[in-house]
Amino acid sequence: MKRPPEIEAYLVERRAVLLNGDIEVMRAHLVKWGNQGAATAEADVLRIAWHKARTGATDLPRDERRKSVAWLRERGYRDLSDPEA
């Protein structure tokens, strides 16, 4: 089933943001797509959210997702592969 063009555009942009790693790029992406709270969110919170999002983004390379799982676990956070997350 073909996705609507706006969904495809979002997914392409999201993938680029999740591979980029620049928190200000992520902030702008979130605000653009309706998360106005991201405009004032602390950078540390956005970094954690970025890593969590990467763990659940199955369109990213597995090694990129694993890097984020490791980053989160090293800091005591749960990733999206954790059933308790």
C-alpha atoms as a PDB file:
ATOM      1  CA  MET A   1       0.000   0.000   0.000  1.00  0.00           C
ATOM      2  CA  LYS A   2       1.368   3.374  -1.013  1.00  0.00           C
ATOM      3  CA  ARG A   3       1.728   6.029   1.696  1.00  0.00           C
ATOM      4  CA  PRO A   4       0.392   9.560   1.245  1.00  0.00           C
ATOM      5  CA  PRO A   5       3.084  12.017   0.053  1.00  0.00           C
ATOM      6  CA  GLU A   6       3.068  13.980   3.322  1.00  0.00           C
ATOM      7  CA  ILE A   7       3.790  10.799   5.305  1.00  0.00           C
ATOM      8  CA  GLU A   8       6.616   9.895   2.933  1.00  0.00           C
ATOM      9  CA  ALA A   9       8.039  13.417   3.281  1.00  0.00           C
ATOM     10  CA  TYR A  10       7.924  13.154   7.067  1.00  0.00           C
ATOM     11  CA  LEU A  11       9.636   9.740   7.088  1.00  0.00           C
ATOM     12  CA  VAL A  12      12.409  10.873   4.746  1.00  0.00           C
ATOM     13  CA  GLU A  13      13.033  13.971   6.866  1.00  0.00           C
ATOM     14  CA  ARG A  14      12.856  12.008  10.139  1.00  0.00           C
ATOM     15  CA  ARG A  15      15.425   9.502   8.899  1.00  0.00           C
ATOM     16  CA  ALA A  16      17.809  12.301   7.935  1.00  0.00           C
ATOM     17  CA  VAL A  17      17.346  13.960  11.345  1.00  0.00           C
ATOM     18  CA  LEU A  18      17.939  10.704  13.210  1.00  0.00           C
ATOM     19  CA  LEU A  19      21.137  10.096  11.254  1.00  0.00           C
ATOM     20  CA  ASN A  20      22.312  13.712  11.579  1.00  0.00           C
ATOM     21  CA  GLY A  21      22.636  14.067  15.346  1.00  0.00           C
ATOM     22  CA  ASP A  22      22.415  17.866  15.452  1.00  0.00           C
ATOM     23  CA  ILE A  23      20.002  18.698  18.266  1.00  0.00           C
ATOM     24  CA  GLU A  24      19.002  22.026  16.739  1.00  0.00           C
ATOM     25  CA  VAL A  25      18.092  20.227  13.505  1.00  0.00           C
ATOM     26  CA  MET A  26      15.993  17.824  15.568  1.00  0.00           C
ATOM     27  CA  ARG A  27      14.352  20.706  17.435  1.00  0.00           C
ATOM     28  CA  ALA A  28      13.387  22.396  14.160  1.00  0.00           C
ATOM     29  CA  HIS A  29      12.051  19.106  12.760  1.00  0.00           C
ATOM     30  CA  LEU A  30       9.884  18.485  15.834  1.00  0.00           C
ATOM     31  CA  VAL A  31       8.487  22.028  15.820  1.00  0.00           C
ATOM     32  CA  LYS A  32       7.811  21.853  12.075  1.00  0.00           C
ATOM     33  CA  TRP A  33       5.767  18.678  12.532  1.00  0.00           C
ATOM     34  CA  GLY A  34       3.701  19.971  15.451  1.00  0.00           C
ATOM     35  CA  ASN A  35       5.697  19.424  18.646  1.00  0.00           C
ATOM     36  CA  GLN A  36       5.798  23.006  19.876  1.00  0.00           C
ATOM     37  CA  GLY A  37       7.215  21.914  23.241  1.00  0.00           C
ATOM     38  CA  ALA A  38      10.469  21.057  21.493  1.00  0.00           C
ATOM     39  CA  ALA A  39      11.083  24.775  20.961  1.00  0.00           C
ATOM     40  CA  THR A  40      11.877  25.227  24.650  1.00  0.00           C
ATOM     41  CA  ALA A  41      13.018  21.721  25.608  1.00  0.00           C
ATOM     42  CA  GLU A  42      16.449  21.396  27.166  1.00  0.00           C
ATOM     43  CA  ALA A  43      19.150  20.055  24.861  1.00  0.00           C
ATOM     44  CA  ASP A  44      19.809  17.126  27.231  1.00  0.00           C
ATOM     45  CA  VAL A  45      16.161  16.071  27.019  1.00  0.00           C
ATOM     46  CA  LEU A  46      16.235  16.289  23.235  1.00  0.00           C
ATOM     47  CA  ARG A  47      19.453  14.226  23.103  1.00  0.00           C
ATOM     48  CA  ILE A  48      17.789  11.462  25.137  1.00  0.00           C
ATOM     49  CA  ALA A  49      14.671  11.642  22.931  1.00  0.00           C
ATOM     50  CA  TRP A  50      16.861  11.505  19.818  1.00  0.00           C
ATOM     51  CA  HIS A  51      18.555   8.324  21.007  1.00  0.00           C
ATOM     52  CA  LYS A  52      15.238   6.756  22.056  1.00  0.00           C
ATOM     53  CA  ALA A  53      13.720   7.556  18.668  1.00  0.00           C
ATOM     54  CA  ARG A  54      16.704   5.969  16.922  1.00  0.00           C
ATOM     55  CA  THR A  55      16.226   2.717  18.859  1.00  0.00           C
ATOM     56  CA  GLY A  56      12.699   2.404  17.496  1.00  0.00           C
ATOM     57  CA  ALA A  57      13.337   3.571  13.927  1.00  0.00           C
ATOM     58  CA  THR A  58      13.561   0.327  11.987  1.00  0.00           C
ATOM     59  CA  ASP A  59      14.434   2.206   8.789  1.00  0.00           C
ATOM     60  CA  LEU A  60      17.835   3.127  10.287  1.00  0.00           C
ATOM     61  CA  PRO A  61      20.842   0.840   9.963  1.00  0.00           C
ATOM     62  CA  ARG A  62      20.987  -1.689  12.796  1.00  0.00           C
ATOM     63  CA  ASP A  63      24.440  -0.481  13.932  1.00  0.00           C
ATOM     64  CA  GLU A  64      23.114   3.075  14.343  1.00  0.00           C
ATOM     65  CA  ARG A  65      20.238   1.790  16.463  1.00  0.00           C
ATOM     66  CA  ARG A  66      22.652  -0.279  18.558  1.00  0.00           C
ATOM     67  CA  LYS A  67      24.842   2.792  19.192  1.00  0.00           C
ATOM     68  CA  SER A  68      21.826   4.565  20.648  1.00  0.00           C
ATOM     69  CA  VAL A  69      20.831   1.546  22.756  1.00  0.00           C
ATOM     70  CA  ALA A  70      24.355   1.523  24.206  1.00  0.00           C
ATOM     71  CA  TRP A  71      24.335   5.306  24.775  1.00  0.00           C
ATOM     72  CA  LEU A  72      21.035   5.136  26.662  1.00  0.00           C
ATOM     73  CA  ARG A  73      21.938   2.107  28.759  1.00  0.00           C
ATOM     74  CA  GLU A  74      25.333   3.567  29.710  1.00  0.00           C
ATOM     75  CA  ARG A  75      23.467   6.516  31.214  1.00  0.00           C
ATOM     76  CA  GLY A  76      20.769   4.495  32.951  1.00  0.00           C
ATOM     77  CA  TYR A  77      17.972   5.128  30.443  1.00  0.00           C
ATOM     78  CA  ARG A  78      15.787   2.542  28.785  1.00  0.00           C
ATOM     79  CA  ASP A  79      15.560   2.138  25.044  1.00  0.00           C
ATOM     80  CA  LEU A  80      12.520   1.252  22.979  1.00  0.00           C
ATOM     81  CA  SER A  81      13.633  -2.379  22.699  1.00  0.00           C
ATOM     82  CA  ASP A  82      13.224  -2.686  26.489  1.00  0.00           C
ATOM     83  CA  PRO A  83       9.708  -4.022  27.267  1.00  0.00           C
ATOM     84  CA  GLU A  84       9.646  -1.853  30.407  1.00  0.00           C
ATOM     85  CA  ALA A  85      10.403   1.360  28.466  1.00  0.00           C
END
